[in-house]
């Protein structure tokens, strides 16, 4: 048997294995089976792609990584995409790129202010602090869970140099208005698009309004690589800075194993290094090693082929829950930002502060019936011990961020949920509301 035939037999066996797993899947039992709030939807193509990469022993970044970057950049309507080991690393690279000396007067410097949202996930804010910058926290609206262009405008001060905001739970923020504000005031805009791949604002994909945008491929997100993330941009100078920072800070852009694609390997001089010093080992940034592997990229390519279906399923599932719970008392139901087409990450519920029950009581009831819940991430970040001694500024009041901290949670809409599961979520909520009058 030759190697190619043996390889095909392995991949056929992998697909057979997936069929067996699918056939043995237990039927859904309402109140007993768990309804996860998020998760990867993986099938035979994904399993085979991962095993095929393993058979080739593609254990570092390589051809599959480059193919994914090219395909994903096209899909997201950006010129460049750089694959990373996580969405958190993507955020770190995006913000760090804006501090590069190569940007000259446009670079961010320690002490510069960056407007961001108080109610969100830490990895949107942490890179601001990690680069010696000062976050300026703004509040959000209940229902959309996004901030507004008006709040951002009021937060701009003499030291404000950038805006870094996430699209909340797949629901776009007012991207066009905030981008216009950034342009008018000479501010950098970074979109944390980790929860919103495939969403649109004014008909335009989220992630295309800022100079840089980021994506996560953690299993909870729209595409799954296990771990993984991406930085996207159409600014070629920023793309080159991101690549350098991701790849140890080196100046050379030759891939490992390439000797002189840059055409300057032994003919370049930088800093006070001797003339002709090997360009592979010249460093123009204080960087990291935040690359992903071809194993992850191979899985990502298989997932990318399903993206449109995943987005459609998330919208359909969200709509089913929204229609089922319409008019439910004591709850603030989620709504899409005006002029947007969300690519939903979750279905948020806020218990009215005047309700005859608390959010923890409703959460406990759902969990007791197998319905998984999650808080709206950190709630008000300024109330967490990690940020108690960090430099920051608060613009206005954080009233809604505080309400979210105590009253808001979300349930799932990811493509792995069936209509029966979604109906169980809705009926469990309504069952609890009926019991509380």
Protein backbone atom coordinates (compact mmCIF):
# COMPACT_ATOMS: atom_id res chain seq x y z
CA UNK A 1 0.00 0.00 0.00
CA UNK A 2 1.41 3.41 -0.92
CA UNK A 3 1.34 6.43 1.37
CA UNK A 4 -1.47 8.25 -0.44
CA UNK A 5 -3.78 5.22 -0.27
CA UNK A 6 -2.98 4.74 3.41
CA UNK A 7 -3.68 8.41 4.03
CA UNK A 8 -7.08 8.20 2.33
CA UNK A 9 -8.02 5.13 4.37
CA UNK A 10 -7.25 7.05 7.57
CA UNK A 11 -9.41 10.00 6.50
CA UNK A 12 -12.26 7.69 5.45
CA UNK A 13 -12.06 6.04 8.86
CA UNK A 14 -12.23 9.43 10.53
CA UNK A 15 -15.42 10.26 8.66
CA UNK A 16 -16.86 6.86 9.58
CA UNK A 17 -16.02 7.57 13.21
CA UNK A 18 -17.93 10.86 13.05
CA UNK A 19 -20.97 9.04 11.64
CA UNK A 20 -20.88 6.61 14.56
CA UNK A 21 -20.66 9.46 17.06
CA UNK A 22 -23.59 11.26 15.41
CA UNK A 23 -25.69 8.07 15.46
CA UNK A 24 -25.00 7.52 19.16
CA UNK A 25 -25.98 11.06 20.15
CA UNK A 26 -28.59 10.97 22.92
CA UNK A 27 -31.98 12.56 22.11
CA UNK A 28 -32.77 15.82 23.83
CA UNK A 29 -34.62 15.41 27.13
CA UNK A 30 -36.06 18.76 28.31
CA UNK A 31 -35.08 19.54 31.88
CA UNK A 32 -32.49 16.77 31.93
CA UNK A 33 -30.23 17.37 28.93
CA UNK A 34 -27.95 20.38 29.16
CA UNK A 35 -28.58 23.31 26.82
CA UNK A 36 -25.21 24.97 26.47
CA UNK A 37 -25.04 28.74 25.99
CA UNK A 38 -22.23 28.39 23.46
CA UNK A 39 -20.07 25.83 21.76
CA UNK A 40 -18.35 24.74 18.58
CA UNK A 41 -20.34 22.98 15.87
CA UNK A 42 -17.94 20.40 14.46
CA UNK A 43 -18.58 17.68 11.91
CA UNK A 44 -16.86 15.17 9.67
CA UNK A 45 -15.16 17.81 7.50
CA UNK A 46 -13.67 19.50 10.57
CA UNK A 47 -12.43 16.27 12.09
CA UNK A 48 -10.91 15.14 8.78
CA UNK A 49 -9.21 18.51 8.22
CA UNK A 50 -7.60 18.38 11.64
CA UNK A 51 -6.42 14.78 11.20
CA UNK A 52 -5.10 15.51 7.70
CA UNK A 53 -2.96 18.35 9.06
CA UNK A 54 -1.74 16.05 11.81
CA UNK A 55 -0.80 13.37 9.26
CA UNK A 56 1.36 15.96 7.51
CA UNK A 57 2.89 16.89 10.90
CA UNK A 58 2.15 20.56 10.22
CA UNK A 59 2.81 21.49 13.83
CA UNK A 60 3.85 25.13 13.32
CA UNK A 61 2.48 27.98 11.24
CA UNK A 62 2.79 27.16 7.55
CA UNK A 63 0.83 26.79 4.30
CA UNK A 64 -2.57 26.26 5.92
CA UNK A 65 -2.08 29.38 8.05
CA UNK A 66 -1.30 31.48 4.99
CA UNK A 67 -4.28 30.05 3.09
CA UNK A 68 -6.58 30.82 5.97
CA UNK A 69 -5.27 34.37 6.31
CA UNK A 70 -5.84 35.03 2.63
CA UNK A 71 -9.32 33.48 2.57
CA UNK A 72 -10.44 35.15 5.79
CA UNK A 73 -9.20 38.58 4.70
CA UNK A 74 -11.26 38.25 1.51
CA UNK A 75 -14.31 37.09 3.46
CA UNK A 76 -14.03 40.00 5.89
CA UNK A 77 -13.32 42.51 3.09
CA UNK A 78 -9.89 43.51 4.42
CA UNK A 79 -6.56 43.49 2.63
CA UNK A 80 -4.60 41.67 5.33
CA UNK A 81 -5.31 39.15 8.07
CA UNK A 82 -2.77 37.87 10.58
CA UNK A 83 -3.59 34.67 12.43
CA UNK A 84 -2.80 34.60 16.15
CA UNK A 85 -2.98 32.12 18.99
CA UNK A 86 -6.08 33.76 20.53
CA UNK A 87 -8.52 36.63 20.23
CA UNK A 88 -6.94 38.11 23.36
CA UNK A 89 -3.58 38.14 21.61
CA UNK A 90 -5.22 39.74 18.58
CA UNK A 91 -6.43 42.60 20.78
CA UNK A 92 -2.97 42.95 22.32
CA UNK A 93 -1.38 43.13 18.87
CA UNK A 94 -3.92 45.62 17.53
CA UNK A 95 -3.42 48.08 20.38
CA UNK A 96 0.34 47.51 20.56
CA UNK A 97 0.64 48.22 16.82
CA UNK A 98 -0.67 51.72 17.45
CA UNK A 99 2.27 52.40 19.79
CA UNK A 100 4.88 51.57 17.13
CA UNK A 101 7.60 54.21 16.58
CA UNK A 102 7.09 53.58 12.87
CA UNK A 103 3.85 55.59 13.10
CA UNK A 104 5.75 58.73 14.00
CA UNK A 105 3.49 61.43 15.46
CA UNK A 106 0.48 59.14 15.06
CA UNK A 107 1.77 56.64 17.59
CA UNK A 108 0.14 56.19 20.98
CA UNK A 109 2.37 57.00 23.94
CA UNK A 110 2.12 56.11 27.64
CA UNK A 111 -0.49 58.26 29.30
CA UNK A 112 -2.58 58.73 26.17
CA UNK A 113 -6.28 58.06 26.67
CA UNK A 114 -8.32 55.38 24.90
CA UNK A 115 -12.13 55.40 25.02
CA UNK A 116 -13.69 52.03 25.72
CA UNK A 117 -16.77 50.47 27.30
CA UNK A 118 -17.05 49.69 31.02
CA UNK A 119 -19.36 46.68 30.56
CA UNK A 120 -17.55 44.04 28.58
CA UNK A 121 -14.80 41.45 28.53
CA UNK A 122 -11.39 42.24 30.06
CA UNK A 123 -9.36 41.47 26.95
CA UNK A 124 -10.76 44.52 25.20
CA UNK A 125 -9.42 46.74 27.98
CA UNK A 126 -6.30 44.91 29.17
CA UNK A 127 -4.12 45.78 26.13
CA UNK A 128 -4.80 49.46 26.80
CA UNK A 129 -3.36 49.13 30.29
CA UNK A 130 -0.60 46.75 29.21
CA UNK A 131 0.68 49.43 26.83
CA UNK A 132 0.73 52.13 29.51
CA UNK A 133 -2.38 53.85 28.11
CA UNK A 134 -5.35 55.13 30.10
CA UNK A 135 -8.82 53.67 29.48
CA UNK A 136 -11.72 56.11 29.50
CA UNK A 137 -14.85 54.17 30.39
CA UNK A 138 -18.26 54.99 28.94
CA UNK A 139 -21.69 53.54 29.65
CA UNK A 140 -23.97 51.46 27.42
CA UNK A 141 -27.65 51.25 26.51
CA UNK A 142 -29.79 48.48 27.95
CA UNK A 143 -31.23 46.30 25.22
CA UNK A 144 -28.44 46.78 22.69
CA UNK A 145 -25.68 46.58 25.34
CA UNK A 146 -23.56 48.92 23.21
CA UNK A 147 -22.37 52.44 23.79
CA UNK A 148 -23.34 55.28 21.46
CA UNK A 149 -21.59 57.86 19.34
CA UNK A 150 -22.93 60.59 21.67
CA UNK A 151 -21.29 58.98 24.71
CA UNK A 152 -18.01 58.60 22.85
CA UNK A 153 -18.15 62.25 21.75
CA UNK A 154 -18.66 63.42 25.34
CA UNK A 155 -15.71 61.30 26.51
CA UNK A 156 -13.16 62.88 24.15
CA UNK A 157 -10.60 64.94 26.04
CA UNK A 158 -7.29 66.65 25.30
CA UNK A 159 -5.31 63.42 25.73
CA UNK A 160 -7.73 61.11 23.86
CA UNK A 161 -5.97 59.37 20.99
CA UNK A 162 -7.95 56.20 20.26
CA UNK A 163 -11.24 54.31 20.60
CA UNK A 164 -11.30 50.55 21.25
CA UNK A 165 -14.79 49.02 21.49
CA UNK A 166 -16.33 45.57 21.08
CA UNK A 167 -19.56 44.84 19.23
CA UNK A 168 -21.60 43.47 22.14
CA UNK A 169 -22.90 39.90 21.81
CA UNK A 170 -22.76 40.13 18.02
CA UNK A 171 -24.85 43.32 17.96
CA UNK A 172 -23.01 46.15 16.15
CA UNK A 173 -22.34 49.43 17.91
CA UNK A 174 -22.95 52.67 15.99
CA UNK A 175 -19.90 51.98 13.87
CA UNK A 176 -20.36 54.64 11.19
CA UNK A 177 -20.96 57.47 13.65
CA UNK A 178 -18.08 56.45 15.90
CA UNK A 179 -15.78 56.06 12.89
CA UNK A 180 -16.75 59.58 11.75
CA UNK A 181 -15.95 60.92 15.24
CA UNK A 182 -12.58 59.18 15.17
CA UNK A 183 -11.77 60.70 11.77
CA UNK A 184 -12.86 64.18 12.84
CA UNK A 185 -10.69 64.11 15.97
CA UNK A 186 -7.71 62.22 14.53
CA UNK A 187 -8.32 59.16 16.70
CA UNK A 188 -7.41 55.55 15.94
CA UNK A 189 -10.41 53.17 15.95
CA UNK A 190 -10.05 49.48 16.79
CA UNK A 191 -13.09 47.20 16.49
CA UNK A 192 -13.14 44.16 18.73
CA UNK A 193 -15.21 42.03 16.36
CA UNK A 194 -14.69 38.79 18.27
CA UNK A 195 -18.41 38.24 18.96
CA UNK A 196 -19.78 39.65 15.71
CA UNK A 197 -18.26 38.00 12.65
CA UNK A 198 -20.70 38.40 9.78
CA UNK A 199 -22.62 41.30 11.34
CA UNK A 200 -23.31 44.44 9.32
CA UNK A 201 -23.94 48.10 10.07
CA UNK A 202 -25.41 50.27 7.33
CA UNK A 203 -24.95 47.25 5.05
CA UNK A 204 -21.21 47.15 5.71
CA UNK A 205 -19.41 44.35 7.55
CA UNK A 206 -18.37 45.09 11.09
CA UNK A 207 -14.61 45.02 11.33
CA UNK A 208 -14.26 47.30 8.29
CA UNK A 209 -14.90 50.64 10.04
CA UNK A 210 -11.73 50.76 12.13
CA UNK A 211 -8.09 50.92 11.14
CA UNK A 212 -7.77 47.52 12.83
CA UNK A 213 -10.22 44.83 13.88
CA UNK A 214 -9.90 41.59 15.79
CA UNK A 215 -11.59 38.18 15.80
CA UNK A 216 -11.53 35.20 18.16
CA UNK A 217 -11.73 31.54 17.16
CA UNK A 218 -12.31 30.18 20.66
CA UNK A 219 -15.03 27.47 20.52
CA UNK A 220 -17.71 29.82 21.82
CA UNK A 221 -17.32 32.07 18.79
CA UNK A 222 -18.64 31.97 15.24
CA UNK A 223 -15.71 29.93 13.89
CA UNK A 224 -13.78 27.47 16.04
CA UNK A 225 -10.10 26.56 16.00
CA UNK A 226 -9.92 25.49 19.65
CA UNK A 227 -7.77 28.50 20.36
CA UNK A 228 -6.96 31.21 17.85
CA UNK A 229 -7.62 34.74 16.73
CA UNK A 230 -6.92 37.21 13.95
CA UNK A 231 -6.01 40.85 13.37
CA UNK A 232 -7.38 42.43 10.20
CA UNK A 233 -6.60 45.71 8.46
CA UNK A 234 -6.45 47.32 5.05
CA UNK A 235 -3.59 49.60 6.11
CA UNK A 236 -0.47 47.85 4.81
CA UNK A 237 1.84 49.77 7.15
CA UNK A 238 -0.19 48.66 10.17
CA UNK A 239 -0.33 45.11 8.81
CA UNK A 240 3.45 45.00 8.66
CA UNK A 241 3.72 46.27 12.24
CA UNK A 242 1.22 43.66 13.45
CA UNK A 243 3.20 40.91 11.72
CA UNK A 244 6.45 42.10 13.26
CA UNK A 245 4.97 42.26 16.77
CA UNK A 246 3.38 38.83 16.38
CA UNK A 247 6.64 37.27 15.10
CA UNK A 248 9.07 38.13 17.92
CA UNK A 249 9.38 41.78 16.81
CA UNK A 250 11.64 40.90 13.92
CA UNK A 251 12.00 43.23 10.96
CA UNK A 252 12.22 40.50 8.30
CA UNK A 253 9.02 39.18 6.75
CA UNK A 254 10.46 36.00 5.19
CA UNK A 255 8.63 32.88 6.30
CA UNK A 256 10.60 30.28 8.29
CA UNK A 257 12.55 28.25 5.76
CA UNK A 258 12.69 31.12 3.25
CA UNK A 259 16.11 32.64 2.80
CA UNK A 260 15.83 35.94 0.97
CA UNK A 261 12.30 36.78 -0.13
CA UNK A 262 12.80 40.21 1.43
CA UNK A 263 15.82 40.73 -0.90
CA UNK A 264 17.81 42.27 1.92
CA UNK A 265 19.01 39.37 4.04
CA UNK A 266 22.70 40.29 3.96
CA UNK A 267 22.52 43.79 2.50
CA UNK A 268 20.58 45.73 5.12
CA UNK A 269 21.67 47.89 8.01
CA UNK A 270 19.55 48.98 10.97
CA UNK A 271 20.37 50.59 14.28
CA UNK A 272 24.03 50.28 15.19
CA UNK A 273 24.33 46.71 13.89
CA UNK A 274 27.19 45.95 11.53
CA UNK A 275 26.43 46.29 7.81
CA UNK A 276 25.05 43.09 6.31
CA UNK A 277 23.86 41.64 9.61
CA UNK A 278 21.42 38.78 8.86
CA UNK A 279 18.03 40.44 8.41
CA UNK A 280 16.33 37.35 9.83
CA UNK A 281 17.69 38.41 13.21
CA UNK A 282 17.14 42.15 13.13
CA UNK A 283 14.38 43.30 15.49
CA UNK A 284 12.47 46.53 14.94
CA UNK A 285 9.87 46.07 17.70
CA UNK A 286 9.75 44.68 21.22
CA UNK A 287 7.49 41.85 20.16
CA UNK A 288 6.03 38.49 21.09
CA UNK A 289 5.52 35.03 19.63
CA UNK A 290 1.75 34.93 19.19
CA UNK A 291 1.46 32.77 16.08
CA UNK A 292 -1.05 29.96 15.64
CA UNK A 293 -0.34 26.54 14.10
CA UNK A 294 -1.33 24.84 10.87
CA UNK A 295 -3.41 22.38 12.89
CA UNK A 296 -5.59 25.28 13.99
CA UNK A 297 -5.61 26.86 10.53
CA UNK A 298 -6.67 23.60 8.88
CA UNK A 299 -9.65 23.41 11.20
CA UNK A 300 -10.35 27.10 10.56
CA UNK A 301 -10.47 26.56 6.80
CA UNK A 302 -13.05 23.80 7.22
CA UNK A 303 -15.11 26.02 9.52
CA UNK A 304 -14.86 29.04 7.22
CA UNK A 305 -16.75 27.14 4.52
CA UNK A 306 -19.72 27.00 6.93
CA UNK A 307 -19.69 30.61 8.11
CA UNK A 308 -22.74 31.81 6.17
CA UNK A 309 -24.79 28.93 7.53
CA UNK A 310 -23.58 29.55 11.06
CA UNK A 311 -24.52 33.24 10.89
CA UNK A 312 -27.96 32.43 9.47
CA UNK A 313 -28.56 29.88 12.24
CA UNK A 314 -27.60 32.35 14.96
CA UNK A 315 -30.02 34.92 13.56
CA UNK A 316 -32.79 32.35 13.24
CA UNK A 317 -32.28 31.06 16.79
CA UNK A 318 -32.19 34.57 18.25
CA UNK A 319 -35.40 35.47 16.40
CA UNK A 320 -37.17 32.35 17.68
CA UNK A 321 -36.34 33.24 21.29
CA UNK A 322 -37.28 36.90 20.77
CA UNK A 323 -40.68 36.00 19.34
CA UNK A 324 -41.31 33.39 22.04
CA UNK A 325 -40.55 35.82 24.88
CA UNK A 326 -42.16 38.90 23.38
CA UNK A 327 -44.24 40.65 26.04
CA UNK A 328 -42.72 38.69 28.92
CA UNK A 329 -43.19 40.77 32.10
CA UNK A 330 -40.32 42.17 34.16
CA UNK A 331 -37.72 41.49 31.49
CA UNK A 332 -35.85 43.85 29.19
CA UNK A 333 -35.50 41.90 25.96
CA UNK A 334 -32.57 42.46 23.59
CA UNK A 335 -32.90 44.51 20.43
CA UNK A 336 -30.72 45.11 17.40
CA UNK A 337 -28.94 48.43 17.09
CA UNK A 338 -30.75 50.62 14.56
CA UNK A 339 -29.46 50.20 10.98
CA UNK A 340 -27.71 46.94 11.88
CA UNK A 341 -27.86 43.26 10.95
CA UNK A 342 -26.41 41.46 13.96
CA UNK A 343 -24.60 38.15 13.87
CA UNK A 344 -25.76 37.15 17.32
CA UNK A 345 -23.44 35.66 19.91
CA UNK A 346 -26.04 35.30 22.65
CA UNK A 347 -29.53 36.33 23.78
CA UNK A 348 -29.32 38.83 26.64
CA UNK A 349 -31.99 39.18 29.31
CA UNK A 350 -32.09 41.96 31.89
CA UNK A 351 -34.37 41.63 34.90
CA UNK A 352 -36.11 44.94 35.55
CA UNK A 353 -34.73 46.36 38.81
CA UNK A 354 -38.38 46.75 39.99
CA UNK A 355 -39.25 43.09 39.30
CA UNK A 356 -40.59 40.92 42.17
CA UNK A 357 -37.60 38.60 41.74
CA UNK A 358 -33.87 38.89 41.13
CA UNK A 359 -31.67 37.88 38.23
CA UNK A 360 -29.88 35.24 40.36
CA UNK A 361 -33.26 33.64 41.13
CA UNK A 362 -34.14 33.40 37.43
CA UNK A 363 -30.64 32.14 36.61
CA UNK A 364 -30.92 29.47 39.32
CA UNK A 365 -34.24 28.28 37.89
CA UNK A 366 -32.85 28.04 34.37
CA UNK A 367 -29.73 26.21 35.50
CA UNK A 368 -31.84 23.77 37.53
CA UNK A 369 -33.67 22.89 34.31
CA UNK A 370 -30.48 22.34 32.34
CA UNK A 371 -30.37 25.75 30.63
CA UNK A 372 -26.85 27.14 30.71
CA UNK A 373 -26.46 30.85 31.39
CA UNK A 374 -23.63 33.34 31.34
CA UNK A 375 -23.29 36.82 32.76
CA UNK A 376 -22.68 39.71 30.37
CA UNK A 377 -18.98 39.00 30.84
CA UNK A 378 -17.44 41.18 33.55
CA UNK A 379 -20.31 43.60 33.95
CA UNK A 380 -18.85 46.91 35.12
CA UNK A 381 -15.10 46.33 34.91
CA UNK A 382 -14.32 49.25 37.20
CA UNK A 383 -15.84 47.29 40.09
CA UNK A 384 -13.42 44.36 39.75
CA UNK A 385 -10.35 44.06 42.00
CA UNK A 386 -8.04 43.76 38.99
CA UNK A 387 -8.80 47.36 38.00
CA UNK A 388 -9.11 49.02 41.39
CA UNK A 389 -5.62 50.52 41.29
CA UNK A 390 -5.21 50.99 37.54
CA UNK A 391 -5.18 54.46 35.97
CA UNK A 392 -8.49 55.21 34.26
CA UNK A 393 -11.10 57.89 33.76
CA UNK A 394 -14.88 57.54 33.81
CA UNK A 395 -16.95 59.68 31.45
CA UNK A 396 -20.41 60.39 32.83
CA UNK A 397 -22.27 57.85 34.91
CA UNK A 398 -22.04 54.07 34.55
CA UNK A 399 -25.64 53.51 35.58
CA UNK A 400 -26.51 50.89 32.97
CA UNK A 401 -23.17 49.13 33.41
CA UNK A 402 -24.07 48.72 37.09
CA UNK A 403 -27.54 47.41 36.19
CA UNK A 404 -25.92 44.88 33.83
CA UNK A 405 -23.60 43.76 36.64
CA UNK A 406 -26.49 42.77 38.88
CA UNK A 407 -29.40 42.16 36.52
CA UNK A 408 -28.20 40.87 33.12
CA UNK A 409 -27.29 37.44 31.77
CA UNK A 410 -27.52 35.65 28.44
CA UNK A 411 -28.53 32.30 27.02
CA UNK A 412 -27.40 30.60 23.86
CA UNK A 413 -28.29 30.99 20.20
CA UNK A 414 -25.32 29.13 18.69
CA UNK A 415 -25.95 26.82 15.70
CA UNK A 416 -25.80 23.64 17.77
CA UNK A 417 -29.14 24.44 19.41
CA UNK A 418 -32.29 22.84 18.01
CA UNK A 419 -35.79 24.32 17.94
CA UNK A 420 -36.71 21.96 20.77
CA UNK A 421 -33.87 23.31 22.89
CA UNK A 422 -34.76 26.92 22.14
CA UNK A 423 -38.40 26.28 23.00
CA UNK A 424 -37.28 24.70 26.26
CA UNK A 425 -35.30 27.86 27.11
CA UNK A 426 -38.33 30.07 26.43
CA UNK A 427 -40.81 27.85 28.25
CA UNK A 428 -38.52 27.63 31.29
CA UNK A 429 -38.31 31.44 31.46
CA UNK A 430 -42.09 31.78 31.12
CA UNK A 431 -42.65 29.03 33.70
CA UNK A 432 -40.59 31.00 36.21
CA UNK A 433 -42.34 34.30 35.41
CA UNK A 434 -45.76 32.68 35.89
CA UNK A 435 -44.71 31.32 39.27
CA UNK A 436 -43.78 34.86 40.38
CA UNK A 437 -46.98 36.48 39.27
